[in-house]
């Protein structure tokens, strides 16, 4: 499976946390990018995006010439290591609904992956997958836990009873569905109260 090093951008533009939003906007415009990785004491500590500026500065009526980047950056900084698989990055980005993911190794910023980078990779991957690999990448959320196995017990009228399970506030509660002995459908609503 391809690694993050295969698609990450290595020339990442950064800004110091004490810089003003005005300076951040100028830097983003000059490089035609939508985010900056924020450094504090030379270490990556956050990310500031166009959306952060719109919401936390302009939308809040603050003076963009005076507000510091460190005040409006998104933190804590979500990141991955360069040797992780692309699938891991996709899952993290989907889970946290982020479009940009810094790549950090031993505390140092070494790259950045954006949604655009992933889309470009996926298109090329679908059109011509690497030799020996299939075309599927699992980007789904982790599967929910499997239901407990169904069990048979004696029903209220002595027949073996089939129990199903209902999740109520994160707890599995047995619910009678039908009697296997006489095929009578039982009233589940009445039975829930008994447990």
N, C-alpha and C. Protein backbone atom coordinates (compact mmCIF):
# COMPACT_ATOMS: atom_id res chain seq x y z
N UNK A 1 0.84 -1.18 0.00
CA UNK A 1 0.00 0.00 0.00
C UNK A 1 0.89 1.25 0.00
N UNK A 2 0.56 2.25 -0.80
CA UNK A 2 1.36 3.48 -0.84
C UNK A 2 1.41 4.18 0.52
N UNK A 3 2.52 4.83 0.77
CA UNK A 3 2.74 5.55 2.03
C UNK A 3 2.51 7.05 1.83
N UNK A 4 2.41 7.76 2.92
CA UNK A 4 2.21 9.21 2.85
C UNK A 4 3.39 9.91 2.19
N UNK A 5 4.58 9.34 2.33
CA UNK A 5 5.75 9.94 1.68
C UNK A 5 5.61 9.95 0.16
N UNK A 6 4.77 9.07 -0.38
CA UNK A 6 4.59 8.99 -1.83
C UNK A 6 3.79 10.15 -2.39
N UNK A 7 2.97 10.80 -1.56
CA UNK A 7 2.12 11.87 -2.09
C UNK A 7 2.24 13.21 -1.36
N UNK A 8 2.95 13.26 -0.25
CA UNK A 8 3.00 14.51 0.51
C UNK A 8 3.81 15.59 -0.20
N UNK A 9 3.43 16.83 0.07
CA UNK A 9 4.18 17.99 -0.39
C UNK A 9 5.25 18.25 0.66
N UNK A 10 6.49 18.37 0.24
CA UNK A 10 7.57 18.54 1.22
C UNK A 10 7.89 19.99 1.51
N UNK A 11 7.60 20.89 0.59
CA UNK A 11 7.89 22.31 0.78
C UNK A 11 6.68 22.98 1.44
N UNK A 12 6.60 22.87 2.76
CA UNK A 12 5.44 23.36 3.51
C UNK A 12 5.72 24.79 3.99
N UNK A 13 4.76 25.67 3.75
CA UNK A 13 4.88 27.06 4.15
C UNK A 13 4.38 27.20 5.59
N UNK A 14 5.17 27.87 6.42
CA UNK A 14 4.84 28.00 7.85
C UNK A 14 4.77 29.47 8.25
N UNK A 15 4.32 29.69 9.46
CA UNK A 15 4.28 31.04 10.03
C UNK A 15 4.41 30.92 11.53
N UNK A 16 4.99 31.93 12.16
CA UNK A 16 5.16 31.93 13.61
C UNK A 16 3.84 32.30 14.28
N UNK A 17 3.58 31.72 15.43
CA UNK A 17 2.33 31.96 16.17
C UNK A 17 2.15 33.43 16.54
N UNK A 18 3.24 34.18 16.66
CA UNK A 18 3.14 35.59 17.06
C UNK A 18 2.89 36.53 15.87
N UNK A 19 2.92 36.02 14.65
CA UNK A 19 2.66 36.86 13.46
C UNK A 19 1.19 37.26 13.43
N UNK A 20 0.91 38.38 12.77
CA UNK A 20 -0.48 38.84 12.67
C UNK A 20 -1.22 38.10 11.56
N UNK A 21 -2.52 38.15 11.64
CA UNK A 21 -3.35 37.55 10.60
C UNK A 21 -3.06 38.26 9.27
N UNK A 22 -2.81 39.55 9.30
CA UNK A 22 -2.48 40.29 8.08
C UNK A 22 -1.28 39.67 7.39
N UNK A 23 -0.24 39.37 8.17
CA UNK A 23 0.97 38.76 7.61
C UNK A 23 0.65 37.35 7.07
N UNK A 24 -0.20 36.61 7.79
CA UNK A 24 -0.59 35.27 7.34
C UNK A 24 -1.32 35.33 6.00
N UNK A 25 -2.24 36.28 5.87
CA UNK A 25 -2.98 36.45 4.62
C UNK A 25 -2.02 36.79 3.48
N UNK A 26 -1.08 37.69 3.73
CA UNK A 26 -0.11 38.05 2.69
C UNK A 26 0.71 36.84 2.27
N UNK A 27 1.14 36.04 3.22
CA UNK A 27 1.95 34.86 2.91
C UNK A 27 1.12 33.83 2.12
N UNK A 28 -0.11 33.61 2.53
CA UNK A 28 -0.97 32.66 1.82
C UNK A 28 -1.25 33.13 0.40
N UNK A 29 -1.49 34.43 0.24
CA UNK A 29 -1.74 34.97 -1.11
C UNK A 29 -0.51 34.86 -1.99
N UNK A 30 0.67 35.15 -1.46
CA UNK A 30 1.88 35.12 -2.28
C UNK A 30 2.22 33.69 -2.73
N UNK A 31 1.84 32.70 -1.93
CA UNK A 31 2.11 31.30 -2.29
C UNK A 31 0.90 30.60 -2.89
N UNK A 32 -0.24 31.31 -2.93
CA UNK A 32 -1.50 30.76 -3.45
C UNK A 32 -1.87 29.44 -2.78
N UNK A 33 -1.93 29.51 -1.43
CA UNK A 33 -2.28 28.33 -0.63
C UNK A 33 -3.41 28.68 0.33
N UNK A 34 -4.02 27.66 0.92
CA UNK A 34 -5.17 27.87 1.80
C UNK A 34 -4.90 27.65 3.27
N UNK A 35 -3.65 27.33 3.64
CA UNK A 35 -3.34 27.14 5.06
C UNK A 35 -1.86 27.38 5.31
N UNK A 36 -1.56 27.59 6.57
CA UNK A 36 -0.17 27.70 7.02
C UNK A 36 -0.02 26.84 8.28
N UNK A 37 1.08 26.14 8.39
CA UNK A 37 1.38 25.42 9.62
C UNK A 37 2.00 26.44 10.57
N UNK A 38 1.48 26.47 11.81
CA UNK A 38 1.91 27.46 12.79
C UNK A 38 3.01 26.87 13.66
N UNK A 39 4.10 27.63 13.78
CA UNK A 39 5.24 27.20 14.59
C UNK A 39 5.33 28.05 15.85
N UNK A 40 5.71 27.39 16.94
CA UNK A 40 5.99 28.08 18.18
C UNK A 40 7.30 27.51 18.70
N UNK A 41 8.28 28.37 18.86
CA UNK A 41 9.63 27.93 19.22
C UNK A 41 10.17 26.93 18.21
N UNK A 42 9.84 27.11 16.95
CA UNK A 42 10.33 26.27 15.87
C UNK A 42 9.62 24.93 15.71
N UNK A 43 8.64 24.65 16.55
CA UNK A 43 7.94 23.37 16.51
C UNK A 43 6.51 23.59 16.01
N UNK A 44 5.98 22.66 15.19
CA UNK A 44 4.60 22.78 14.72
C UNK A 44 3.61 22.61 15.87
N UNK A 45 2.73 23.62 16.05
CA UNK A 45 1.77 23.57 17.17
C UNK A 45 0.32 23.73 16.73
N UNK A 46 0.10 24.16 15.49
CA UNK A 46 -1.26 24.38 15.03
C UNK A 46 -1.30 24.60 13.53
N UNK A 47 -2.49 24.89 13.03
CA UNK A 47 -2.67 25.18 11.62
C UNK A 47 -3.67 26.32 11.53
N UNK A 48 -3.43 27.25 10.62
CA UNK A 48 -4.39 28.33 10.40
C UNK A 48 -4.83 28.24 8.94
N UNK A 49 -6.14 28.22 8.76
CA UNK A 49 -6.72 28.07 7.43
C UNK A 49 -7.54 29.31 7.08
N UNK A 50 -7.92 29.41 5.82
CA UNK A 50 -8.78 30.51 5.40
C UNK A 50 -10.06 30.52 6.23
N UNK A 51 -10.58 29.36 6.50
CA UNK A 51 -11.82 29.27 7.29
C UNK A 51 -11.62 29.78 8.71
N UNK A 52 -10.48 29.44 9.32
CA UNK A 52 -10.18 29.95 10.67
C UNK A 52 -10.22 31.48 10.68
N UNK A 53 -9.63 32.07 9.66
CA UNK A 53 -9.57 33.54 9.58
C UNK A 53 -10.96 34.15 9.37
N UNK A 54 -11.73 33.54 8.49
CA UNK A 54 -13.07 34.04 8.22
C UNK A 54 -13.95 33.96 9.47
N UNK A 55 -13.90 32.82 10.15
CA UNK A 55 -14.78 32.58 11.29
C UNK A 55 -14.32 33.29 12.56
N UNK A 56 -13.04 33.19 12.87
CA UNK A 56 -12.55 33.68 14.16
C UNK A 56 -12.01 35.11 14.15
N UNK A 57 -11.86 35.67 12.95
CA UNK A 57 -11.37 37.04 12.88
C UNK A 57 -12.43 37.93 12.21
N UNK A 58 -12.64 37.74 10.93
CA UNK A 58 -13.59 38.60 10.21
C UNK A 58 -15.01 38.43 10.73
N UNK A 59 -15.45 37.19 10.88
CA UNK A 59 -16.81 36.93 11.36
C UNK A 59 -17.03 37.42 12.78
N UNK A 60 -15.97 37.48 13.57
CA UNK A 60 -16.07 37.92 14.96
C UNK A 60 -15.83 39.43 15.09
N UNK A 61 -15.58 40.10 13.95
CA UNK A 61 -15.38 41.55 13.98
C UNK A 61 -14.06 42.00 14.59
N UNK A 62 -13.06 41.13 14.56
CA UNK A 62 -11.76 41.47 15.14
C UNK A 62 -10.87 42.15 14.09
N UNK A 63 -9.89 42.89 14.54
CA UNK A 63 -8.98 43.62 13.65
C UNK A 63 -7.90 42.66 13.13
N UNK A 64 -7.99 42.31 11.86
CA UNK A 64 -7.08 41.33 11.26
C UNK A 64 -5.64 41.83 11.21
N UNK A 65 -5.43 43.15 11.40
CA UNK A 65 -4.07 43.71 11.39
C UNK A 65 -3.39 43.53 12.74
N UNK A 66 -4.19 43.24 13.79
CA UNK A 66 -3.62 43.15 15.14
C UNK A 66 -3.70 41.75 15.75
N UNK A 67 -4.66 40.95 15.33
CA UNK A 67 -4.83 39.61 15.92
C UNK A 67 -3.67 38.71 15.52
N UNK A 68 -3.14 37.98 16.50
CA UNK A 68 -2.03 37.06 16.23
C UNK A 68 -2.55 35.70 15.77
N UNK A 69 -1.77 35.07 14.92
CA UNK A 69 -2.11 33.76 14.36
C UNK A 69 -2.36 32.74 15.47
N UNK A 70 -1.54 32.77 16.51
CA UNK A 70 -1.68 31.82 17.62
C UNK A 70 -3.02 31.90 18.33
N UNK A 71 -3.71 33.04 18.22
CA UNK A 71 -5.01 33.21 18.87
C UNK A 71 -6.14 32.53 18.11
N UNK A 72 -5.97 32.33 16.82
CA UNK A 72 -7.07 31.80 15.99
C UNK A 72 -6.74 30.47 15.32
N UNK A 73 -5.53 29.98 15.48
CA UNK A 73 -5.16 28.71 14.83
C UNK A 73 -5.96 27.56 15.40
N UNK A 74 -6.11 26.51 14.61
CA UNK A 74 -6.75 25.27 15.07
C UNK A 74 -5.70 24.44 15.80
N UNK A 75 -6.05 24.00 16.98
CA UNK A 75 -5.15 23.18 17.79
C UNK A 75 -5.99 22.27 18.67
N UNK A 76 -5.50 21.18 19.14
CA UNK A 76 -4.16 20.66 18.89
C UNK A 76 -4.00 20.23 17.43
N UNK A 77 -2.77 20.21 17.00
CA UNK A 77 -2.46 19.88 15.62
C UNK A 77 -2.58 18.38 15.39
N UNK A 78 -3.48 17.99 14.52
CA UNK A 78 -3.60 16.58 14.12
C UNK A 78 -2.56 16.32 13.05
N UNK A 79 -1.86 15.21 13.13
CA UNK A 79 -0.80 14.91 12.16
C UNK A 79 -0.61 13.41 12.06
N UNK A 80 0.23 13.01 11.10
CA UNK A 80 0.63 11.61 10.94
C UNK A 80 2.11 11.55 10.61
N UNK A 81 2.66 10.36 10.78
CA UNK A 81 4.06 10.13 10.45
C UNK A 81 4.16 9.77 8.96
N UNK A 82 5.29 10.06 8.32
CA UNK A 82 5.42 9.86 6.87
C UNK A 82 5.31 8.41 6.40
N UNK A 83 5.61 7.44 7.24
CA UNK A 83 5.58 6.04 6.80
C UNK A 83 4.22 5.38 6.97
N UNK A 84 3.23 6.14 7.43
CA UNK A 84 1.88 5.60 7.55
C UNK A 84 1.26 5.43 6.17
N UNK A 85 0.28 4.56 6.06
CA UNK A 85 -0.39 4.32 4.79
C UNK A 85 -1.40 5.43 4.49
N UNK A 86 -1.63 5.65 3.21
CA UNK A 86 -2.56 6.69 2.77
C UNK A 86 -3.94 6.44 3.35
N UNK A 87 -4.35 5.20 3.42
CA UNK A 87 -5.66 4.85 3.97
C UNK A 87 -5.83 5.38 5.39
N UNK A 88 -4.75 5.33 6.20
CA UNK A 88 -4.81 5.84 7.57
C UNK A 88 -5.10 7.34 7.58
N UNK A 89 -4.46 8.07 6.68
CA UNK A 89 -4.66 9.52 6.59
C UNK A 89 -6.09 9.84 6.18
N UNK A 90 -6.61 9.10 5.21
CA UNK A 90 -7.98 9.32 4.74
C UNK A 90 -8.95 9.11 5.90
N UNK A 91 -8.78 8.05 6.64
CA UNK A 91 -9.68 7.78 7.76
C UNK A 91 -9.61 8.87 8.83
N UNK A 92 -8.42 9.34 9.15
CA UNK A 92 -8.26 10.40 10.15
C UNK A 92 -8.91 11.70 9.66
N UNK A 93 -8.69 12.03 8.39
CA UNK A 93 -9.25 13.26 7.84
C UNK A 93 -10.77 13.20 7.80
N UNK A 94 -11.33 12.06 7.45
CA UNK A 94 -12.79 11.91 7.45
C UNK A 94 -13.35 11.99 8.86
N UNK A 95 -12.71 11.32 9.77
CA UNK A 95 -13.19 11.30 11.16
C UNK A 95 -13.24 12.70 11.76
N UNK A 96 -12.22 13.51 11.49
CA UNK A 96 -12.13 14.85 12.08
C UNK A 96 -12.59 15.96 11.14
N UNK A 97 -13.04 15.56 9.95
CA UNK A 97 -13.54 16.50 8.93
C UNK A 97 -12.52 17.62 8.66
N UNK A 98 -11.30 17.21 8.36
CA UNK A 98 -10.24 18.17 8.02
C UNK A 98 -9.80 17.94 6.58
N UNK A 99 -9.28 19.00 5.96
CA UNK A 99 -8.86 18.92 4.56
C UNK A 99 -7.36 18.99 4.38
N UNK A 100 -6.64 19.26 5.47
CA UNK A 100 -5.19 19.38 5.40
C UNK A 100 -4.60 18.63 6.59
N UNK A 101 -3.55 17.83 6.32
CA UNK A 101 -2.95 17.01 7.36
C UNK A 101 -1.43 17.13 7.31
N UNK A 102 -0.84 17.75 8.34
CA UNK A 102 0.62 17.84 8.40
C UNK A 102 1.25 16.47 8.63
N UNK A 103 2.43 16.29 8.08
CA UNK A 103 3.20 15.06 8.26
C UNK A 103 4.41 15.43 9.11
N UNK A 104 4.51 14.79 10.27
CA UNK A 104 5.55 15.14 11.24
C UNK A 104 6.34 13.89 11.60
N UNK A 105 7.67 14.06 11.65
CA UNK A 105 8.56 12.96 12.02
C UNK A 105 9.53 13.46 13.08
N UNK A 106 9.55 12.78 14.22
CA UNK A 106 10.42 13.17 15.34
C UNK A 106 10.25 14.63 15.72
N UNK A 107 9.00 15.11 15.73
CA UNK A 107 8.71 16.48 16.13
C UNK A 107 8.97 17.54 15.08
N UNK A 108 9.47 17.13 13.91
CA UNK A 108 9.77 18.08 12.84
C UNK A 108 8.77 17.95 11.70
N UNK A 109 8.34 19.07 11.16
CA UNK A 109 7.43 19.10 10.03
C UNK A 109 8.19 18.67 8.78
N UNK A 110 7.70 17.60 8.12
CA UNK A 110 8.38 17.10 6.92
C UNK A 110 7.49 17.14 5.68
N UNK A 111 6.19 17.40 5.86
CA UNK A 111 5.31 17.42 4.71
C UNK A 111 3.89 17.81 5.07
N UNK A 112 3.05 17.84 4.05
CA UNK A 112 1.64 18.17 4.21
C UNK A 112 0.85 17.43 3.14
N UNK A 113 -0.30 16.93 3.52
CA UNK A 113 -1.21 16.29 2.57
C UNK A 113 -2.52 17.04 2.62
N UNK A 114 -3.06 17.33 1.44
CA UNK A 114 -4.34 18.02 1.36
C UNK A 114 -5.36 17.10 0.70
N UNK A 115 -6.60 17.48 0.81
CA UNK A 115 -7.66 16.74 0.14
C UNK A 115 -7.41 16.69 -1.36
N UNK A 116 -6.89 17.77 -1.92
CA UNK A 116 -6.55 17.80 -3.34
C UNK A 116 -5.48 16.77 -3.68
N UNK A 117 -4.46 16.65 -2.84
CA UNK A 117 -3.41 15.65 -3.05
C UNK A 117 -3.99 14.23 -3.06
N UNK A 118 -4.89 13.98 -2.11
CA UNK A 118 -5.50 12.66 -2.02
C UNK A 118 -6.38 12.37 -3.24
N UNK A 119 -7.13 13.37 -3.68
CA UNK A 119 -7.99 13.19 -4.85
C UNK A 119 -7.16 12.92 -6.10
N UNK A 120 -6.08 13.66 -6.27
CA UNK A 120 -5.20 13.46 -7.42
C UNK A 120 -4.61 12.06 -7.39
N UNK A 121 -4.15 11.63 -6.21
CA UNK A 121 -3.59 10.29 -6.07
C UNK A 121 -4.63 9.23 -6.39
N UNK A 122 -5.83 9.39 -5.82
CA UNK A 122 -6.89 8.40 -6.01
C UNK A 122 -7.25 8.27 -7.49
N UNK A 123 -7.31 9.39 -8.19
CA UNK A 123 -7.64 9.34 -9.62
C UNK A 123 -6.59 8.54 -10.38
N UNK A 124 -5.32 8.84 -10.13
CA UNK A 124 -4.24 8.12 -10.80
C UNK A 124 -4.25 6.64 -10.39
N UNK A 125 -4.53 6.38 -9.15
CA UNK A 125 -4.54 5.01 -8.62
C UNK A 125 -5.66 4.20 -9.27
N UNK A 126 -6.82 4.81 -9.44
CA UNK A 126 -7.96 4.12 -10.06
C UNK A 126 -7.68 3.85 -11.53
N UNK A 127 -7.10 4.84 -12.22
CA UNK A 127 -6.83 4.69 -13.64
C UNK A 127 -5.74 3.65 -13.90
N UNK A 128 -4.71 3.65 -13.07
CA UNK A 128 -3.61 2.70 -13.27
C UNK A 128 -3.01 2.34 -11.91
N UNK A 129 -3.55 1.30 -11.26
CA UNK A 129 -3.02 0.93 -9.95
C UNK A 129 -1.59 0.39 -10.06
N UNK A 130 -0.80 0.58 -8.99
CA UNK A 130 0.55 0.02 -9.00
C UNK A 130 0.52 -1.49 -9.22
N UNK A 131 1.55 -2.01 -9.85
CA UNK A 131 1.63 -3.44 -10.17
C UNK A 131 1.46 -4.28 -8.90
N UNK A 132 0.64 -5.31 -9.02
CA UNK A 132 0.42 -6.22 -7.91
C UNK A 132 -0.60 -5.75 -6.88
N UNK A 133 -1.26 -4.60 -7.13
CA UNK A 133 -2.23 -4.09 -6.18
C UNK A 133 -3.60 -4.02 -6.82
N UNK A 134 -4.62 -4.24 -6.01
CA UNK A 134 -5.97 -4.09 -6.56
C UNK A 134 -6.38 -2.62 -6.45
N UNK A 135 -7.57 -2.32 -6.91
CA UNK A 135 -8.03 -0.94 -6.97
C UNK A 135 -8.83 -0.50 -5.76
N UNK A 136 -8.85 -1.26 -4.68
CA UNK A 136 -9.68 -0.88 -3.55
C UNK A 136 -8.85 -0.33 -2.40
N UNK A 137 -9.35 0.74 -1.82
CA UNK A 137 -8.78 1.30 -0.61
C UNK A 137 -9.95 1.50 0.33
N UNK A 138 -9.86 0.95 1.53
CA UNK A 138 -10.95 1.05 2.49
C UNK A 138 -10.87 2.39 3.21
N UNK A 139 -11.87 3.25 2.95
CA UNK A 139 -11.90 4.58 3.59
C UNK A 139 -13.11 4.70 4.51
N UNK A 140 -13.70 3.59 4.88
CA UNK A 140 -14.87 3.63 5.74
C UNK A 140 -14.46 3.79 7.19
N UNK A 141 -15.39 4.24 7.97
CA UNK A 141 -15.18 4.34 9.41
C UNK A 141 -15.04 2.93 9.96
N UNK A 142 -14.39 2.77 11.11
CA UNK A 142 -14.31 1.45 11.70
C UNK A 142 -15.71 0.87 11.90
N UNK A 143 -15.82 -0.42 11.71
CA UNK A 143 -17.11 -1.10 11.82
C UNK A 143 -17.58 -1.09 13.29
N UNK A 144 -18.90 -0.97 13.52
CA UNK A 144 -19.39 -1.03 14.90
C UNK A 144 -19.20 -2.43 15.45
N UNK A 145 -19.17 -2.55 16.77
CA UNK A 145 -18.98 -3.88 17.35
C UNK A 145 -20.08 -4.83 16.91
N UNK A 146 -19.72 -6.09 16.81
CA UNK A 146 -20.67 -7.12 16.40
C UNK A 146 -21.66 -7.34 17.54
N UNK A 147 -22.94 -7.56 17.18
CA UNK A 147 -23.96 -7.83 18.19
C UNK A 147 -23.62 -9.10 18.95
N UNK A 148 -24.00 -9.15 20.21
CA UNK A 148 -23.78 -10.40 20.95
C UNK A 148 -24.55 -11.53 20.28
N UNK A 149 -24.07 -12.76 20.39
CA UNK A 149 -24.78 -13.87 19.75
C UNK A 149 -26.17 -14.02 20.36
N UNK A 150 -27.10 -14.43 19.50
CA UNK A 150 -28.46 -14.63 19.98
C UNK A 150 -28.49 -15.91 20.80
N UNK A 151 -29.35 -15.92 21.83
CA UNK A 151 -29.42 -17.10 22.68
C UNK A 151 -30.87 -17.56 22.81
N UNK A 152 -31.01 -18.82 23.12
CA UNK A 152 -32.34 -19.40 23.28
C UNK A 152 -32.58 -19.64 24.76
N UNK A 153 -33.75 -19.22 25.22
CA UNK A 153 -34.14 -19.44 26.61
C UNK A 153 -35.61 -19.85 26.61
N UNK A 154 -36.09 -20.23 27.78
CA UNK A 154 -37.50 -20.60 27.90
C UNK A 154 -38.36 -19.35 27.86
N UNK A 155 -39.38 -19.38 27.02
CA UNK A 155 -40.32 -18.26 26.91
C UNK A 155 -41.31 -18.25 28.05
N UNK A 156 -42.17 -17.24 28.10
CA UNK A 156 -43.12 -17.11 29.19
C UNK A 156 -44.13 -18.25 29.27
N UNK A 157 -44.36 -18.94 28.16
CA UNK A 157 -45.31 -20.05 28.19
C UNK A 157 -44.61 -21.40 28.05
N UNK A 158 -43.30 -21.47 28.38
CA UNK A 158 -42.58 -22.73 28.45
C UNK A 158 -41.89 -23.18 27.18
N UNK A 159 -42.13 -22.54 26.03
CA UNK A 159 -41.47 -22.91 24.78
C UNK A 159 -40.10 -22.24 24.72
N UNK A 160 -39.14 -22.85 23.98
CA UNK A 160 -37.87 -22.16 23.79
C UNK A 160 -38.13 -20.83 23.07
N UNK A 161 -37.53 -19.79 23.56
CA UNK A 161 -37.81 -18.45 23.02
C UNK A 161 -36.56 -17.89 22.35
N UNK A 162 -36.73 -17.23 21.23
CA UNK A 162 -35.64 -16.63 20.47
C UNK A 162 -35.45 -15.20 20.96
N UNK A 163 -34.23 -14.86 21.37
CA UNK A 163 -33.95 -13.52 21.85
C UNK A 163 -33.13 -12.75 20.82
N UNK A 164 -33.48 -11.52 20.57
CA UNK A 164 -32.68 -10.61 19.77
C UNK A 164 -32.07 -9.59 20.72
N UNK A 165 -31.35 -8.62 20.21
CA UNK A 165 -30.73 -7.62 21.06
C UNK A 165 -31.02 -6.23 20.54
N UNK A 166 -31.22 -5.30 21.44
CA UNK A 166 -31.44 -3.91 21.12
C UNK A 166 -30.40 -3.11 21.89
N UNK A 167 -29.78 -2.15 21.24
CA UNK A 167 -28.82 -1.32 21.95
C UNK A 167 -29.55 -0.13 22.54
N UNK A 168 -29.50 -0.02 23.85
CA UNK A 168 -30.14 1.08 24.56
C UNK A 168 -29.07 1.78 25.38
N UNK A 169 -28.79 3.04 25.01
CA UNK A 169 -27.75 3.81 25.70
C UNK A 169 -26.46 3.02 25.86
N UNK A 170 -26.00 2.47 24.75
CA UNK A 170 -24.73 1.74 24.65
C UNK A 170 -24.72 0.42 25.42
N UNK A 171 -25.87 -0.11 25.79
CA UNK A 171 -25.92 -1.42 26.44
C UNK A 171 -26.80 -2.33 25.62
N UNK A 172 -26.39 -3.58 25.48
CA UNK A 172 -27.22 -4.55 24.75
C UNK A 172 -28.26 -5.13 25.69
N UNK A 173 -29.52 -5.06 25.29
CA UNK A 173 -30.62 -5.54 26.09
C UNK A 173 -31.33 -6.64 25.30
N UNK A 174 -31.52 -7.85 25.89
CA UNK A 174 -32.21 -8.91 25.15
C UNK A 174 -33.68 -8.55 24.96
N UNK A 175 -34.19 -8.82 23.76
CA UNK A 175 -35.58 -8.53 23.44
C UNK A 175 -36.19 -9.76 22.77
N UNK A 176 -37.23 -10.34 23.34
CA UNK A 176 -37.87 -11.49 22.70
C UNK A 176 -38.50 -11.07 21.38
N UNK A 177 -38.31 -11.88 20.34
CA UNK A 177 -38.90 -11.56 19.04
C UNK A 177 -39.97 -12.58 18.66
N UNK A 178 -39.63 -13.84 18.76
CA UNK A 178 -40.66 -14.84 18.44
C UNK A 178 -40.32 -16.13 19.18
N UNK A 179 -41.33 -16.86 19.48
CA UNK A 179 -41.17 -18.13 20.17
C UNK A 179 -40.84 -19.19 19.13
N UNK A 180 -39.71 -19.87 19.28
CA UNK A 180 -39.34 -20.90 18.32
C UNK A 180 -40.15 -22.18 18.48
N UNK A 181 -40.69 -22.37 19.69
CA UNK A 181 -41.46 -23.59 19.94
C UNK A 181 -42.81 -23.59 19.24
N UNK A 182 -43.50 -22.45 19.28
CA UNK A 182 -44.84 -22.41 18.70
C UNK A 182 -44.97 -21.33 17.63
N UNK A 183 -43.87 -20.63 17.29
CA UNK A 183 -43.82 -19.58 16.26
C UNK A 183 -44.72 -18.39 16.57
N UNK A 184 -45.12 -18.25 17.81
CA UNK A 184 -45.94 -17.11 18.20
C UNK A 184 -45.06 -15.86 18.28
N UNK A 185 -45.48 -14.78 17.62
CA UNK A 185 -44.74 -13.52 17.70
C UNK A 185 -45.09 -12.88 19.02
N UNK A 186 -44.08 -12.56 19.79
CA UNK A 186 -44.30 -11.99 21.12
C UNK A 186 -44.30 -10.47 21.05
N UNK A 187 -44.92 -9.86 22.01
CA UNK A 187 -45.01 -8.40 22.07
C UNK A 187 -43.71 -7.88 22.67
N UNK A 188 -42.82 -7.36 21.79
CA UNK A 188 -41.51 -6.89 22.24
C UNK A 188 -41.61 -5.72 23.20
N UNK A 189 -42.53 -4.79 22.96
CA UNK A 189 -42.65 -3.61 23.81
C UNK A 189 -42.95 -4.02 25.24
N UNK A 190 -43.82 -5.03 25.41
CA UNK A 190 -44.17 -5.48 26.75
C UNK A 190 -42.96 -6.16 27.39
N UNK A 191 -42.20 -6.92 26.62
CA UNK A 191 -41.09 -7.67 27.17
C UNK A 191 -39.91 -6.78 27.57
N UNK A 192 -39.73 -5.61 26.90
CA UNK A 192 -38.59 -4.74 27.23
C UNK A 192 -38.65 -4.35 28.70
N UNK A 193 -39.85 -4.04 29.19
CA UNK A 193 -39.99 -3.62 30.57
C UNK A 193 -39.59 -4.69 31.59
N UNK A 194 -39.60 -5.95 31.19
CA UNK A 194 -39.26 -7.02 32.10
C UNK A 194 -37.76 -7.15 32.35
N UNK A 195 -36.93 -6.47 31.55
CA UNK A 195 -35.49 -6.65 31.67
C UNK A 195 -34.86 -5.52 32.38
